[in-house]
Amino acid sequence: MLKEISLGLGAALLVFALIAGYDVTPFIFLLLVGGVFLYMANARGMLKGFGNTSRPEKKQEISFDDIGGQGSAIKELKEALDFIRNHREIQSLGIRPLKGILMTGPPGTGKT
């Protein structure tokens, strides 16, 4: 409600200044530049409480039980995940850390 009141009051002041004979072109230019900066800051997420309508992201809990597929592939993915989670313990055993995982298969089989 405060936003609507300030917009109405600002428009009324601009109209009053225009009728009174003042040059309002610089004020309109400054308002446009300020609006562009506010829009850019809001789009980048810099203004959390100022009209930002994005919702907080919900963390999805997905386990390997939710994923269908070959049992051996799931087992290998679990081992790779264990390597990633416990990389210090794996390095202390003298095993090289993973540099990446190459997943192959036809399109639409859930490699991502």
C-alpha atoms as a PDB file:
ATOM      1  CA  MET A   1       0.000   0.000   0.000  1.00  0.00           C
ATOM      2  CA  LEU A   2       2.876   2.343   0.756  1.00  0.00           C
ATOM      3  CA  LYS A   3       4.259   1.749  -2.732  1.00  0.00           C
ATOM      4  CA  GLU A   4       0.981   2.877  -4.351  1.00  0.00           C
ATOM      5  CA  ILE A   5       0.769   5.978  -2.183  1.00  0.00           C
ATOM      6  CA  SER A   6       4.355   6.994  -3.025  1.00  0.00           C
ATOM      7  CA  LEU A   7       3.778   6.434  -6.746  1.00  0.00           C
ATOM      8  CA  GLY A   8       0.614   8.550  -6.661  1.00  0.00           C
ATOM      9  CA  LEU A   9       2.280  11.286  -4.647  1.00  0.00           C
ATOM     10  CA  GLY A  10       5.302  11.316  -6.981  1.00  0.00           C
ATOM     11  CA  ALA A  11       3.071  11.541 -10.065  1.00  0.00           C
ATOM     12  CA  ALA A  12       1.066  14.348  -8.456  1.00  0.00           C
ATOM     13  CA  LEU A  13       4.259  16.293  -7.670  1.00  0.00           C
ATOM     14  CA  LEU A  14       5.485  15.881 -11.253  1.00  0.00           C
ATOM     15  CA  VAL A  15       2.170  17.117 -12.661  1.00  0.00           C
ATOM     16  CA  PHE A  16       2.179  20.051 -10.220  1.00  0.00           C
ATOM     17  CA  ALA A  17       5.749  20.987 -11.220  1.00  0.00           C
ATOM     18  CA  LEU A  18       4.806  20.740 -14.905  1.00  0.00           C
ATOM     19  CA  ILE A  19       1.769  23.004 -14.419  1.00  0.00           C
ATOM     20  CA  ALA A  20       3.842  25.446 -12.350  1.00  0.00           C
ATOM     21  CA  GLY A  21       6.204  25.827 -15.303  1.00  0.00           C
ATOM     22  CA  TYR A  22       9.209  23.809 -14.148  1.00  0.00           C
ATOM     23  CA  ASP A  23      11.218  21.663 -16.553  1.00  0.00           C
ATOM     24  CA  VAL A  24      10.594  18.092 -15.333  1.00  0.00           C
ATOM     25  CA  THR A  25      12.610  16.349 -18.061  1.00  0.00           C
ATOM     26  CA  PRO A  26      15.690  15.763 -15.824  1.00  0.00           C
ATOM     27  CA  PHE A  27      13.491  14.298 -13.076  1.00  0.00           C
ATOM     28  CA  ILE A  28      11.792  11.930 -15.520  1.00  0.00           C
ATOM     29  CA  PHE A  29      15.205  10.886 -16.882  1.00  0.00           C
ATOM     30  CA  LEU A  30      16.521  10.227 -13.355  1.00  0.00           C
ATOM     31  CA  LEU A  31      13.420   8.198 -12.503  1.00  0.00           C
ATOM     32  CA  LEU A  32      13.871   6.081 -15.635  1.00  0.00           C
ATOM     33  CA  VAL A  33      17.561   5.457 -14.885  1.00  0.00           C
ATOM     34  CA  GLY A  34      16.728   4.572 -11.278  1.00  0.00           C
ATOM     35  CA  GLY A  35      13.989   2.208 -12.452  1.00  0.00           C
ATOM     36  CA  VAL A  36      16.405   0.448 -14.800  1.00  0.00           C
ATOM     37  CA  PHE A  37      18.938   0.022 -11.985  1.00  0.00           C
ATOM     38  CA  LEU A  38      16.270  -1.321  -9.621  1.00  0.00           C
ATOM     39  CA  TYR A  39      15.076  -3.756 -12.289  1.00  0.00           C
ATOM     40  CA  MET A  40      18.626  -4.997 -12.917  1.00  0.00           C
ATOM     41  CA  ALA A  41      19.371  -5.384  -9.209  1.00  0.00           C
ATOM     42  CA  ASN A  42      16.107  -7.249  -8.666  1.00  0.00           C
ATOM     43  CA  ALA A  43      16.798  -9.537 -11.636  1.00  0.00           C
ATOM     44  CA  ARG A  44      20.212 -10.441 -10.218  1.00  0.00           C
ATOM     45  CA  GLY A  45      18.740 -11.165  -6.787  1.00  0.00           C
ATOM     46  CA  MET A  46      20.468  -8.287  -5.027  1.00  0.00           C
ATOM     47  CA  LEU A  47      17.237  -6.933  -3.537  1.00  0.00           C
ATOM     48  CA  LYS A  48      15.891  -9.700  -1.330  1.00  0.00           C
ATOM     49  CA  GLY A  49      13.082  -7.829   0.406  1.00  0.00           C
ATOM     50  CA  PHE A  50      12.283  -5.213  -2.238  1.00  0.00           C
ATOM     51  CA  GLY A  51       9.685  -6.690  -4.553  1.00  0.00           C
ATOM     52  CA  ASN A  52      11.622  -9.855  -5.297  1.00  0.00           C
ATOM     53  CA  THR A  53       8.931 -12.440  -5.942  1.00  0.00           C
ATOM     54  CA  SER A  54      11.180 -15.473  -6.253  1.00  0.00           C
ATOM     55  CA  ARG A  55      10.449 -18.226  -3.778  1.00  0.00           C
ATOM     56  CA  PRO A  56      13.092 -19.907  -1.694  1.00  0.00           C
ATOM     57  CA  GLU A  57      14.350 -23.103  -3.249  1.00  0.00           C
ATOM     58  CA  LYS A  58      13.226 -26.303  -1.593  1.00  0.00           C
ATOM     59  CA  LYS A  59      15.883 -28.937  -1.106  1.00  0.00           C
ATOM     60  CA  GLN A  60      14.813 -32.161  -2.743  1.00  0.00           C
ATOM     61  CA  GLU A  61      15.676 -35.367  -0.981  1.00  0.00           C
ATOM     62  CA  ILE A  62      16.250 -38.073  -3.578  1.00  0.00           C
ATOM     63  CA  SER A  63      17.748 -41.412  -2.698  1.00  0.00           C
ATOM     64  CA  PHE A  64      18.961 -44.256  -4.861  1.00  0.00           C
ATOM     65  CA  ASP A  65      15.730 -46.106  -4.019  1.00  0.00           C
ATOM     66  CA  ASP A  66      13.830 -43.481  -6.052  1.00  0.00           C
ATOM     67  CA  ILE A  67      15.940 -44.185  -9.122  1.00  0.00           C
ATOM     68  CA  GLY A  68      15.118 -47.126 -11.326  1.00  0.00           C
ATOM     69  CA  GLY A  69      17.630 -48.938 -13.461  1.00  0.00           C
ATOM     70  CA  GLN A  70      20.282 -51.610 -13.411  1.00  0.00           C
ATOM     71  CA  GLY A  71      21.426 -52.746 -10.023  1.00  0.00           C
ATOM     72  CA  SER A  72      25.082 -52.826 -11.069  1.00  0.00           C
ATOM     73  CA  ALA A  73      24.919 -49.230 -12.360  1.00  0.00           C
ATOM     74  CA  ILE A  74      23.360 -48.039  -9.125  1.00  0.00           C
ATOM     75  CA  LYS A  75      26.043 -49.886  -7.136  1.00  0.00           C
ATOM     76  CA  GLU A  76      28.815 -48.225  -9.150  1.00  0.00           C
ATOM     77  CA  LEU A  77      27.215 -44.805  -8.689  1.00  0.00           C
ATOM     78  CA  LYS A  78      27.036 -45.393  -4.934  1.00  0.00           C
ATOM     79  CA  GLU A  79      30.751 -46.236  -4.914  1.00  0.00           C
ATOM     80  CA  ALA A  80      31.541 -43.082  -6.911  1.00  0.00           C
ATOM     81  CA  LEU A  81      29.449 -41.018  -4.492  1.00  0.00           C
ATOM     82  CA  ASP A  82      31.356 -42.574  -1.588  1.00  0.00           C
ATOM     83  CA  PHE A  83      34.617 -41.550  -3.279  1.00  0.00           C
ATOM     84  CA  ILE A  84      33.357 -37.980  -3.575  1.00  0.00           C
ATOM     85  CA  ARG A  85      32.008 -37.744  -0.017  1.00  0.00           C
ATOM     86  CA  ASN A  86      35.026 -39.356   1.688  1.00  0.00           C
ATOM     87  CA  HIS A  87      37.801 -38.089  -0.560  1.00  0.00           C
ATOM     88  CA  ARG A  88      40.261 -37.500   2.304  1.00  0.00           C
ATOM     89  CA  GLU A  89      39.967 -41.086   3.545  1.00  0.00           C
ATOM     90  CA  ILE A  90      40.305 -42.390   0.000  1.00  0.00           C
ATOM     91  CA  GLN A  91      43.453 -40.280  -0.573  1.00  0.00           C
ATOM     92  CA  SER A  92      44.962 -41.548   2.679  1.00  0.00           C
ATOM     93  CA  LEU A  93      44.675 -45.087   1.257  1.00  0.00           C
ATOM     94  CA  GLY A  94      46.709 -43.992  -1.764  1.00  0.00           C
ATOM     95  CA  ILE A  95      43.838 -44.072  -4.256  1.00  0.00           C
ATOM     96  CA  ARG A  96      43.669 -41.263  -6.819  1.00  0.00           C
ATOM     97  CA  PRO A  97      40.584 -39.053  -6.516  1.00  0.00           C
ATOM     98  CA  LEU A  98      37.959 -39.172  -9.253  1.00  0.00           C
ATOM     99  CA  LYS A  99      38.374 -36.663 -12.055  1.00  0.00           C
ATOM    100  CA  GLY A 100      34.965 -37.347 -13.533  1.00  0.00           C
ATOM    101  CA  ILE A 101      32.371 -39.961 -14.339  1.00  0.00           C
ATOM    102  CA  LEU A 102      31.555 -40.954 -17.907  1.00  0.00           C
ATOM    103  CA  MET A 103      27.966 -42.142 -18.229  1.00  0.00           C
ATOM    104  CA  THR A 104      26.906 -43.798 -21.443  1.00  0.00           C
ATOM    105  CA  GLY A 105      23.583 -45.054 -22.752  1.00  0.00           C
ATOM    106  CA  PRO A 106      20.764 -44.210 -25.092  1.00  0.00           C
ATOM    107  CA  PRO A 107      18.947 -40.868 -24.761  1.00  0.00           C
ATOM    108  CA  GLY A 108      16.206 -40.658 -22.190  1.00  0.00           C
ATOM    109  CA  THR A 109      17.655 -43.205 -19.769  1.00  0.00           C
ATOM    110  CA  GLY A 110      18.327 -40.732 -16.955  1.00  0.00           C
ATOM    111  CA  LYS A 111      22.072 -40.201 -17.162  1.00  0.00           C
ATOM    112  CA  THR A 112      21.749 -36.698 -15.764  1.00  0.00           C
END
